[in-house]
């Protein structure tokens, strides 16, 4: 099952990851749902998408999903943590 709250980022429930497909490549953020939170252990963008802002667009979608589900994010991935720090408008989502 795939759910789309953000038109660019989908929740691939079966794979436990959020996905953003651009130019035929998929950037993704793995997650674990635990205690009403989204734990993000890993975010990855393929080499072809690096430097294009794809990972940031992916994280914007992750934040949108978290907000819609009224859950907080536990960013174990250093990229996810840094992105959330750089976007104070999402500070309320950080667990």
PDB file of N, CA and C in Angstrom:
ATOM      1  N   UNK A   1       0.848  -1.183   0.000  1.00  0.00           N
ATOM      2  CA  UNK A   1       0.000   0.000   0.000  1.00  0.00           C
ATOM      3  C   UNK A   1       0.889   1.239   0.000  1.00  0.00           C
ATOM      4  N   UNK A   2       0.535   2.207  -0.813  1.00  0.00           N
ATOM      5  CA  UNK A   2       1.250   3.477  -0.861  1.00  0.00           C
ATOM      6  C   UNK A   2       0.249   4.585  -0.591  1.00  0.00           C
ATOM      7  N   UNK A   3       0.591   5.477   0.344  1.00  0.00           N
ATOM      8  CA  UNK A   3      -0.274   6.609   0.651  1.00  0.00           C
ATOM      9  C   UNK A   3       0.433   7.887   0.251  1.00  0.00           C
ATOM     10  N   UNK A   4      -0.332   8.837  -0.307  1.00  0.00           N
ATOM     11  CA  UNK A   4       0.248  10.116  -0.706  1.00  0.00           C
ATOM     12  C   UNK A   4      -0.491  11.257  -0.020  1.00  0.00           C
ATOM     13  N   UNK A   5       0.167  11.949   0.903  1.00  0.00           N
ATOM     14  CA  UNK A   5      -0.390  13.151   1.507  1.00  0.00           C
ATOM     15  C   UNK A   5       0.218  14.372   0.836  1.00  0.00           C
ATOM     16  N   UNK A   6       1.477  14.277   0.521  1.00  0.00           N
ATOM     17  CA  UNK A   6       2.204  15.308  -0.202  1.00  0.00           C
ATOM     18  C   UNK A   6       2.273  14.789  -1.637  1.00  0.00           C
ATOM     19  N   UNK A   7       1.938  15.586  -2.630  1.00  0.00           N
ATOM     20  CA  UNK A   7       1.898  15.054  -3.993  1.00  0.00           C
ATOM     21  C   UNK A   7       3.240  14.545  -4.507  1.00  0.00           C
ATOM     22  N   UNK A   8       4.327  14.967  -3.919  1.00  0.00           N
ATOM     23  CA  UNK A   8       5.641  14.525  -4.373  1.00  0.00           C
ATOM     24  C   UNK A   8       6.170  13.343  -3.587  1.00  0.00           C
ATOM     25  N   UNK A   9       5.819  13.266  -2.316  1.00  0.00           N
ATOM     26  CA  UNK A   9       6.385  12.249  -1.422  1.00  0.00           C
ATOM     27  C   UNK A   9       5.302  11.262  -1.033  1.00  0.00           C
ATOM     28  N   UNK A  10       5.583   9.989  -1.273  1.00  0.00           N
ATOM     29  CA  UNK A  10       4.636   8.939  -0.929  1.00  0.00           C
ATOM     30  C   UNK A  10       5.159   8.109   0.233  1.00  0.00           C
ATOM     31  N   UNK A  11       4.231   7.551   0.974  1.00  0.00           N
ATOM     32  CA  UNK A  11       4.552   6.670   2.093  1.00  0.00           C
ATOM     33  C   UNK A  11       4.422   5.245   1.578  1.00  0.00           C
ATOM     34  N   UNK A  12       5.543   4.598   1.345  1.00  0.00           N
ATOM     35  CA  UNK A  12       5.547   3.205   0.915  1.00  0.00           C
ATOM     36  C   UNK A  12       5.455   2.371   2.189  1.00  0.00           C
ATOM     37  N   UNK A  13       4.237   2.076   2.586  1.00  0.00           N
ATOM     38  CA  UNK A  13       3.980   1.410   3.862  1.00  0.00           C
ATOM     39  C   UNK A  13       4.659   0.045   3.918  1.00  0.00           C
ATOM     40  N   UNK A  14       4.602  -0.707   2.825  1.00  0.00           N
ATOM     41  CA  UNK A  14       5.187  -2.054   2.800  1.00  0.00           C
ATOM     42  C   UNK A  14       6.694  -2.027   3.013  1.00  0.00           C
ATOM     43  N   UNK A  15       7.357  -1.004   2.470  1.00  0.00           N
ATOM     44  CA  UNK A  15       8.821  -0.898   2.588  1.00  0.00           C
ATOM     45  C   UNK A  15       9.246  -0.061   3.796  1.00  0.00           C
ATOM     46  N   UNK A  16       8.283   0.537   4.509  1.00  0.00           N
ATOM     47  CA  UNK A  16       8.568   1.389   5.671  1.00  0.00           C
ATOM     48  C   UNK A  16       9.504   2.534   5.287  1.00  0.00           C
ATOM     49  N   UNK A  17       9.117   3.239   4.221  1.00  0.00           N
ATOM     50  CA  UNK A  17       9.925   4.385   3.817  1.00  0.00           C
ATOM     51  C   UNK A  17       9.093   5.382   3.032  1.00  0.00           C
ATOM     52  N   UNK A  18       9.490   6.641   3.165  1.00  0.00           N
ATOM     53  CA  UNK A  18       8.913   7.704   2.351  1.00  0.00           C
ATOM     54  C   UNK A  18       9.767   7.789   1.100  1.00  0.00           C
ATOM     55  N   UNK A  19       9.127   8.040  -0.040  1.00  0.00           N
ATOM     56  CA  UNK A  19       9.840   8.057  -1.311  1.00  0.00           C
ATOM     57  C   UNK A  19       9.507   9.296  -2.130  1.00  0.00           C
ATOM     58  N   UNK A  20      10.511   9.780  -2.829  1.00  0.00           N
ATOM     59  CA  UNK A  20      10.374  10.881  -3.769  1.00  0.00           C
ATOM     60  C   UNK A  20      11.029  10.429  -5.066  1.00  0.00           C
ATOM     61  N   UNK A  21      10.264  10.371  -6.140  1.00  0.00           N
ATOM     62  CA  UNK A  21      10.795   9.944  -7.435  1.00  0.00           C
ATOM     63  C   UNK A  21      10.944  11.169  -8.324  1.00  0.00           C
ATOM     64  N   UNK A  22      12.161  11.388  -8.787  1.00  0.00           N
ATOM     65  CA  UNK A  22      12.465  12.482  -9.720  1.00  0.00           C
ATOM     66  C   UNK A  22      13.442  11.957 -10.759  1.00  0.00           C
ATOM     67  N   UNK A  23      13.197  12.300 -12.000  1.00  0.00           N
ATOM     68  CA  UNK A  23      14.081  11.912 -13.109  1.00  0.00           C
ATOM     69  C   UNK A  23      14.354  10.403 -13.109  1.00  0.00           C
ATOM     70  N   UNK A  24      13.340   9.626 -12.736  1.00  0.00           N
ATOM     71  CA  UNK A  24      13.486   8.177 -12.743  1.00  0.00           C
ATOM     72  C   UNK A  24      14.285   7.603 -11.584  1.00  0.00           C
ATOM     73  N   UNK A  25      14.692   8.438 -10.650  1.00  0.00           N
ATOM     74  CA  UNK A  25      15.479   8.013  -9.488  1.00  0.00           C
ATOM     75  C   UNK A  25      14.640   8.202  -8.223  1.00  0.00           C
ATOM     76  N   UNK A  26      14.903   7.388  -7.210  1.00  0.00           N
ATOM     77  CA  UNK A  26      14.124   7.448  -5.980  1.00  0.00           C
ATOM     78  C   UNK A  26      14.997   7.816  -4.785  1.00  0.00           C
ATOM     79  N   UNK A  27      14.658   8.925  -4.156  1.00  0.00           N
ATOM     80  CA  UNK A  27      15.254   9.297  -2.866  1.00  0.00           C
ATOM     81  C   UNK A  27      14.300   8.749  -1.808  1.00  0.00           C
ATOM     82  N   UNK A  28      14.843   8.330  -0.674  1.00  0.00           N
ATOM     83  CA  UNK A  28      13.964   7.739   0.332  1.00  0.00           C
ATOM     84  C   UNK A  28      14.433   8.033   1.748  1.00  0.00           C
ATOM     85  N   UNK A  29      13.467   7.953   2.649  1.00  0.00           N
ATOM     86  CA  UNK A  29      13.725   8.077   4.085  1.00  0.00           C
ATOM     87  C   UNK A  29      13.099   6.860   4.750  1.00  0.00           C
ATOM     88  N   UNK A  30      13.943   5.972   5.270  1.00  0.00           N
ATOM     89  CA  UNK A  30      13.444   4.817   6.006  1.00  0.00           C
ATOM     90  C   UNK A  30      12.810   5.299   7.301  1.00  0.00           C
ATOM     91  N   UNK A  31      11.820   4.578   7.775  1.00  0.00           N
ATOM     92  CA  UNK A  31      11.215   4.943   9.054  1.00  0.00           C
ATOM     93  C   UNK A  31      10.754   3.720   9.821  1.00  0.00           C
ATOM     94  N   UNK A  32      10.605   3.930  11.130  1.00  0.00           N
ATOM     95  CA  UNK A  32       9.982   2.970  12.026  1.00  0.00           C
ATOM     96  C   UNK A  32       8.948   3.762  12.801  1.00  0.00           C
ATOM     97  N   UNK A  33       7.745   3.263  12.866  1.00  0.00           N
ATOM     98  CA  UNK A  33       6.715   3.903  13.682  1.00  0.00           C
ATOM     99  C   UNK A  33       6.809   3.290  15.075  1.00  0.00           C
ATOM    100  N   UNK A  34       7.085   4.156  16.056  1.00  0.00           N
ATOM    101  CA  UNK A  34       7.280   3.674  17.420  1.00  0.00           C
ATOM    102  C   UNK A  34       6.704   4.681  18.404  1.00  0.00           C
ATOM    103  N   UNK A  35       5.824   4.206  19.270  1.00  0.00           N
ATOM    104  CA  UNK A  35       5.250   5.038  20.334  1.00  0.00           C
ATOM    105  C   UNK A  35       4.667   6.348  19.797  1.00  0.00           C
ATOM    106  N   UNK A  36       3.956   6.282  18.685  1.00  0.00           N
ATOM    107  CA  UNK A  36       3.341   7.483  18.123  1.00  0.00           C
ATOM    108  C   UNK A  36       4.324   8.446  17.502  1.00  0.00           C
ATOM    109  N   UNK A  37       5.488   7.951  17.143  1.00  0.00           N
ATOM    110  CA  UNK A  37       6.531   8.792  16.537  1.00  0.00           C
ATOM    111  C   UNK A  37       7.052   8.135  15.271  1.00  0.00           C
ATOM    112  N   UNK A  38       7.639   8.965  14.409  1.00  0.00           N
ATOM    113  CA  UNK A  38       8.335   8.480  13.224  1.00  0.00           C
ATOM    114  C   UNK A  38       9.829   8.531  13.504  1.00  0.00           C
ATOM    115  N   UNK A  39      10.443   7.402  13.633  1.00  0.00           N
ATOM    116  CA  UNK A  39      11.888   7.330  13.826  1.00  0.00           C
ATOM    117  C   UNK A  39      12.508   7.225  12.435  1.00  0.00           C
ATOM    118  N   UNK A  40      13.391   8.176  12.103  1.00  0.00           N
ATOM    119  CA  UNK A  40      14.029   8.224  10.778  1.00  0.00           C
ATOM    120  C   UNK A  40      15.512   7.848  10.931  1.00  0.00           C
ATOM    121  N   UNK A  41      15.854   6.569  10.677  1.00  0.00           N
ATOM    122  CA  UNK A  41      17.250   6.154  10.830  1.00  0.00           C
ATOM    123  C   UNK A  41      18.132   6.436   9.619  1.00  0.00           C
ATOM    124  N   UNK A  42      17.507   6.651   8.438  1.00  0.00           N
ATOM    125  CA  UNK A  42      18.333   6.770   7.231  1.00  0.00           C
ATOM    126  C   UNK A  42      17.580   7.548   6.150  1.00  0.00           C
ATOM    127  N   UNK A  43      18.273   8.487   5.530  1.00  0.00           N
ATOM    128  CA  UNK A  43      17.769   9.218   4.363  1.00  0.00           C
ATOM    129  C   UNK A  43      18.823   9.079   3.277  1.00  0.00           C
ATOM    130  N   UNK A  44      18.383   8.795   2.065  1.00  0.00           N
ATOM    131  CA  UNK A  44      19.342   8.614   0.972  1.00  0.00           C
ATOM    132  C   UNK A  44      18.792   9.161  -0.336  1.00  0.00           C
ATOM    133  N   UNK A  45      19.649   9.834  -1.063  1.00  0.00           N
ATOM    134  CA  UNK A  45      19.339  10.279  -2.423  1.00  0.00           C
ATOM    135  C   UNK A  45      20.359   9.633  -3.355  1.00  0.00           C
ATOM    136  N   UNK A  46      19.908   9.102  -4.488  1.00  0.00           N
ATOM    137  CA  UNK A  46      20.851   8.528  -5.448  1.00  0.00           C
ATOM    138  C   UNK A  46      21.843   9.594  -5.926  1.00  0.00           C
ATOM    139  N   UNK A  47      22.997   9.159  -6.349  1.00  0.00           N
ATOM    140  CA  UNK A  47      24.042  10.081  -6.810  1.00  0.00           C
ATOM    141  C   UNK A  47      23.497  11.055  -7.849  1.00  0.00           C
ATOM    142  N   UNK A  48      22.649  10.566  -8.745  1.00  0.00           N
ATOM    143  CA  UNK A  48      22.111  11.421  -9.812  1.00  0.00           C
ATOM    144  C   UNK A  48      21.265  12.573  -9.274  1.00  0.00           C
ATOM    145  N   UNK A  49      20.701  12.431  -8.066  1.00  0.00           N
ATOM    146  CA  UNK A  49      19.862  13.485  -7.493  1.00  0.00           C
ATOM    147  C   UNK A  49      20.589  14.364  -6.487  1.00  0.00           C
ATOM    148  N   UNK A  50      21.786  13.971  -6.085  1.00  0.00           N
ATOM    149  CA  UNK A  50      22.500  14.745  -5.075  1.00  0.00           C
ATOM    150  C   UNK A  50      22.838  16.129  -5.597  1.00  0.00           C
ATOM    151  N   UNK A  51      22.635  17.113  -4.745  1.00  0.00           N
ATOM    152  CA  UNK A  51      22.893  18.498  -5.127  1.00  0.00           C
ATOM    153  C   UNK A  51      21.715  19.162  -5.826  1.00  0.00           C
ATOM    154  N   UNK A  52      20.647  18.411  -6.051  1.00  0.00           N
ATOM    155  CA  UNK A  52      19.480  18.954  -6.753  1.00  0.00           C
ATOM    156  C   UNK A  52      18.404  19.460  -5.794  1.00  0.00           C
ATOM    157  N   UNK A  53      18.592  19.211  -4.500  1.00  0.00           N
ATOM    158  CA  UNK A  53      17.575  19.593  -3.519  1.00  0.00           C
ATOM    159  C   UNK A  53      16.540  18.504  -3.287  1.00  0.00           C
ATOM    160  N   UNK A  54      16.720  17.345  -3.915  1.00  0.00           N
ATOM    161  CA  UNK A  54      15.746  16.262  -3.794  1.00  0.00           C
ATOM    162  C   UNK A  54      15.591  15.801  -2.346  1.00  0.00           C
ATOM    163  N   UNK A  55      16.690  15.663  -1.622  1.00  0.00           N
ATOM    164  CA  UNK A  55      16.608  15.204  -0.233  1.00  0.00           C
ATOM    165  C   UNK A  55      15.841  16.209   0.623  1.00  0.00           C
ATOM    166  N   UNK A  56      16.011  17.480   0.358  1.00  0.00           N
ATOM    167  CA  UNK A  56      15.263  18.507   1.072  1.00  0.00           C
ATOM    168  C   UNK A  56      13.771  18.443   0.753  1.00  0.00           C
ATOM    169  N   UNK A  57      13.433  18.218  -0.516  1.00  0.00           N
ATOM    170  CA  UNK A  57      12.030  18.063  -0.891  1.00  0.00           C
ATOM    171  C   UNK A  57      11.438  16.812  -0.250  1.00  0.00           C
ATOM    172  N   UNK A  58      12.246  15.769  -0.175  1.00  0.00           N
ATOM    173  CA  UNK A  58      11.821  14.551   0.508  1.00  0.00           C
ATOM    174  C   UNK A  58      11.518  14.840   1.973  1.00  0.00           C
ATOM    175  N   UNK A  59      12.418  15.528   2.651  1.00  0.00           N
ATOM    176  CA  UNK A  59      12.213  15.838   4.069  1.00  0.00           C
ATOM    177  C   UNK A  59      11.022  16.763   4.275  1.00  0.00           C
ATOM    178  N   UNK A  60      10.774  17.660   3.346  1.00  0.00           N
ATOM    179  CA  UNK A  60       9.581  18.515   3.433  1.00  0.00           C
ATOM    180  C   UNK A  60       8.331  17.638   3.404  1.00  0.00           C
ATOM    181  N   UNK A  61       8.349  16.620   2.565  1.00  0.00           N
ATOM    182  CA  UNK A  61       7.235  15.682   2.507  1.00  0.00           C
ATOM    183  C   UNK A  61       7.105  14.849   3.763  1.00  0.00           C
ATOM    184  N   UNK A  62       8.234  14.425   4.326  1.00  0.00           N
ATOM    185  CA  UNK A  62       8.212  13.669   5.586  1.00  0.00           C
ATOM    186  C   UNK A  62       7.577  14.538   6.675  1.00  0.00           C
ATOM    187  N   UNK A  63       7.979  15.801   6.731  1.00  0.00           N
ATOM    188  CA  UNK A  63       7.416  16.721   7.718  1.00  0.00           C
ATOM    189  C   UNK A  63       5.910  16.887   7.492  1.00  0.00           C
ATOM    190  N   UNK A  64       5.484  16.985   6.240  1.00  0.00           N
ATOM    191  CA  UNK A  64       4.054  17.117   5.931  1.00  0.00           C
ATOM    192  C   UNK A  64       3.283  15.886   6.393  1.00  0.00           C
ATOM    193  N   UNK A  65       3.839  14.720   6.157  1.00  0.00           N
ATOM    194  CA  UNK A  65       3.198  13.482   6.612  1.00  0.00           C
ATOM    195  C   UNK A  65       3.111  13.456   8.132  1.00  0.00           C
ATOM    196  N   UNK A  66       4.205  13.799   8.810  1.00  0.00           N
ATOM    197  CA  UNK A  66       4.208  13.800  10.273  1.00  0.00           C
ATOM    198  C   UNK A  66       3.165  14.773  10.811  1.00  0.00           C
ATOM    199  N   UNK A  67       3.103  15.935  10.227  1.00  0.00           N
ATOM    200  CA  UNK A  67       2.134  16.953  10.672  1.00  0.00           C
ATOM    201  C   UNK A  67       0.705  16.459  10.454  1.00  0.00           C
ATOM    202  N   UNK A  68       0.430  15.873   9.298  1.00  0.00           N
ATOM    203  CA  UNK A  68      -0.914  15.377   8.992  1.00  0.00           C
ATOM    204  C   UNK A  68      -1.322  14.237   9.931  1.00  0.00           C
ATOM    205  N   UNK A  69      -0.345  13.431  10.315  1.00  0.00           N
ATOM    206  CA  UNK A  69      -0.613  12.289  11.205  1.00  0.00           C
ATOM    207  C   UNK A  69      -0.527  12.684  12.679  1.00  0.00           C
ATOM    208  N   UNK A  70      -0.111  13.926  12.918  1.00  0.00           N
ATOM    209  CA  UNK A  70       0.049  14.433  14.289  1.00  0.00           C
ATOM    210  C   UNK A  70       1.012  13.573  15.106  1.00  0.00           C
ATOM    211  N   UNK A  71       2.161  13.303  14.483  1.00  0.00           N
ATOM    212  CA  UNK A  71       3.227  12.568  15.158  1.00  0.00           C
ATOM    213  C   UNK A  71       4.500  13.399  15.123  1.00  0.00           C
ATOM    214  N   UNK A  72       5.408  13.078  16.011  1.00  0.00           N
ATOM    215  CA  UNK A  72       6.703  13.756  16.024  1.00  0.00           C
ATOM    216  C   UNK A  72       7.738  12.889  15.334  1.00  0.00           C
ATOM    217  N   UNK A  73       8.842  13.522  14.963  1.00  0.00           N
ATOM    218  CA  UNK A  73       9.929  12.859  14.246  1.00  0.00           C
ATOM    219  C   UNK A  73      11.120  12.689  15.184  1.00  0.00           C
ATOM    220  N   UNK A  74      11.684  11.488  15.180  1.00  0.00           N
ATOM    221  CA  UNK A  74      12.928  11.214  15.886  1.00  0.00           C
ATOM    222  C   UNK A  74      13.988  11.050  14.797  1.00  0.00           C
ATOM    223  N   UNK A  75      14.781  12.093  14.534  1.00  0.00           N
ATOM    224  CA  UNK A  75      15.744  12.039  13.421  1.00  0.00           C
ATOM    225  C   UNK A  75      17.073  11.413  13.836  1.00  0.00           C
ATOM    226  N   UNK A  76      17.210  10.104  13.670  1.00  0.00           N
ATOM    227  CA  UNK A  76      18.481   9.437  13.971  1.00  0.00           C
ATOM    228  C   UNK A  76      19.511   9.695  12.880  1.00  0.00           C
ATOM    229  N   UNK A  77      19.045   9.867  11.660  1.00  0.00           N
ATOM    230  CA  UNK A  77      19.921  10.162  10.519  1.00  0.00           C
ATOM    231  C   UNK A  77      20.465  11.583  10.664  1.00  0.00           C
ATOM    232  N   UNK A  78      21.748  11.748  10.459  1.00  0.00           N
ATOM    233  CA  UNK A  78      22.361  13.071  10.609  1.00  0.00           C
ATOM    234  C   UNK A  78      21.796  14.071   9.604  1.00  0.00           C
ATOM    235  N   UNK A  79      21.479  13.627   8.382  1.00  0.00           N
ATOM    236  CA  UNK A  79      20.899  14.546   7.396  1.00  0.00           C
ATOM    237  C   UNK A  79      19.521  15.003   7.860  1.00  0.00           C
ATOM    238  N   UNK A  80      18.692  14.072   8.295  1.00  0.00           N
ATOM    239  CA  UNK A  80      17.343  14.424   8.758  1.00  0.00           C
ATOM    240  C   UNK A  80      17.413  15.395   9.930  1.00  0.00           C
ATOM    241  N   UNK A  81      18.321  15.137  10.871  1.00  0.00           N
ATOM    242  CA  UNK A  81      18.470  16.023  12.037  1.00  0.00           C
ATOM    243  C   UNK A  81      18.920  17.413  11.600  1.00  0.00           C
ATOM    244  N   UNK A  82      19.891  17.479  10.707  1.00  0.00           N
ATOM    245  CA  UNK A  82      20.393  18.772  10.231  1.00  0.00           C
ATOM    246  C   UNK A  82      19.313  19.522   9.463  1.00  0.00           C
ATOM    247  N   UNK A  83      18.563  18.814   8.631  1.00  0.00           N
ATOM    248  CA  UNK A  83      17.503  19.462   7.861  1.00  0.00           C
ATOM    249  C   UNK A  83      16.458  20.058   8.802  1.00  0.00           C
ATOM    250  N   UNK A  84      16.055  19.310   9.805  1.00  0.00           N
ATOM    251  CA  UNK A  84      15.067  19.815  10.758  1.00  0.00           C
ATOM    252  C   UNK A  84      15.603  21.022  11.527  1.00  0.00           C
ATOM    253  N   UNK A  85      16.885  21.016  11.883  1.00  0.00           N
ATOM    254  CA  UNK A  85      17.483  22.176  12.574  1.00  0.00           C
ATOM    255  C   UNK A  85      17.476  23.414  11.676  1.00  0.00           C
ATOM    256  N   UNK A  86      17.695  23.219  10.380  1.00  0.00           N
ATOM    257  CA  UNK A  86      17.720  24.343   9.434  1.00  0.00           C
ATOM    258  C   UNK A  86      16.330  24.864   9.093  1.00  0.00           C
ATOM    259  N   UNK A  87      15.296  24.162   9.502  1.00  0.00           N
ATOM    260  CA  UNK A  87      13.918  24.554   9.189  1.00  0.00           C
ATOM    261  C   UNK A  87      13.124  24.693  10.482  1.00  0.00           C
ATOM    262  N   UNK A  88      13.312  25.826  11.163  1.00  0.00           N
ATOM    263  CA  UNK A  88      12.664  26.016  12.462  1.00  0.00           C
ATOM    264  C   UNK A  88      11.137  25.989  12.403  1.00  0.00           C
ATOM    265  N   UNK A  89      10.569  26.149  11.214  1.00  0.00           N
ATOM    266  CA  UNK A  89       9.115  26.071  11.089  1.00  0.00           C
ATOM    267  C   UNK A  89       8.587  24.659  11.400  1.00  0.00           C
ATOM    268  N   UNK A  90       9.509  23.691  11.460  1.00  0.00           N
ATOM    269  CA  UNK A  90       9.144  22.314  11.787  1.00  0.00           C
ATOM    270  C   UNK A  90       9.667  21.890  13.159  1.00  0.00           C
ATOM    271  N   UNK A  91      10.133  22.826  13.952  1.00  0.00           N
ATOM    272  CA  UNK A  91      10.710  22.503  15.263  1.00  0.00           C
ATOM    273  C   UNK A  91       9.723  21.762  16.149  1.00  0.00           C
ATOM    274  N   UNK A  92       8.440  22.058  16.005  1.00  0.00           N
ATOM    275  CA  UNK A  92       7.425  21.390  16.831  1.00  0.00           C
ATOM    276  C   UNK A  92       7.287  19.909  16.502  1.00  0.00           C
ATOM    277  N   UNK A  93       7.853  19.461  15.392  1.00  0.00           N
ATOM    278  CA  UNK A  93       7.767  18.051  15.006  1.00  0.00           C
ATOM    279  C   UNK A  93       8.887  17.205  15.585  1.00  0.00           C
ATOM    280  N   UNK A  94       9.916  17.848  16.130  1.00  0.00           N
ATOM    281  CA  UNK A  94      11.062  17.098  16.631  1.00  0.00           C
ATOM    282  C   UNK A  94      10.765  16.544  18.020  1.00  0.00           C
ATOM    283  N   UNK A  95      10.928  15.236  18.148  1.00  0.00           N
ATOM    284  CA  UNK A  95      10.655  14.570  19.441  1.00  0.00           C
ATOM    285  C   UNK A  95      11.865  14.739  20.357  1.00  0.00           C
TER     286      UNK A  95
END
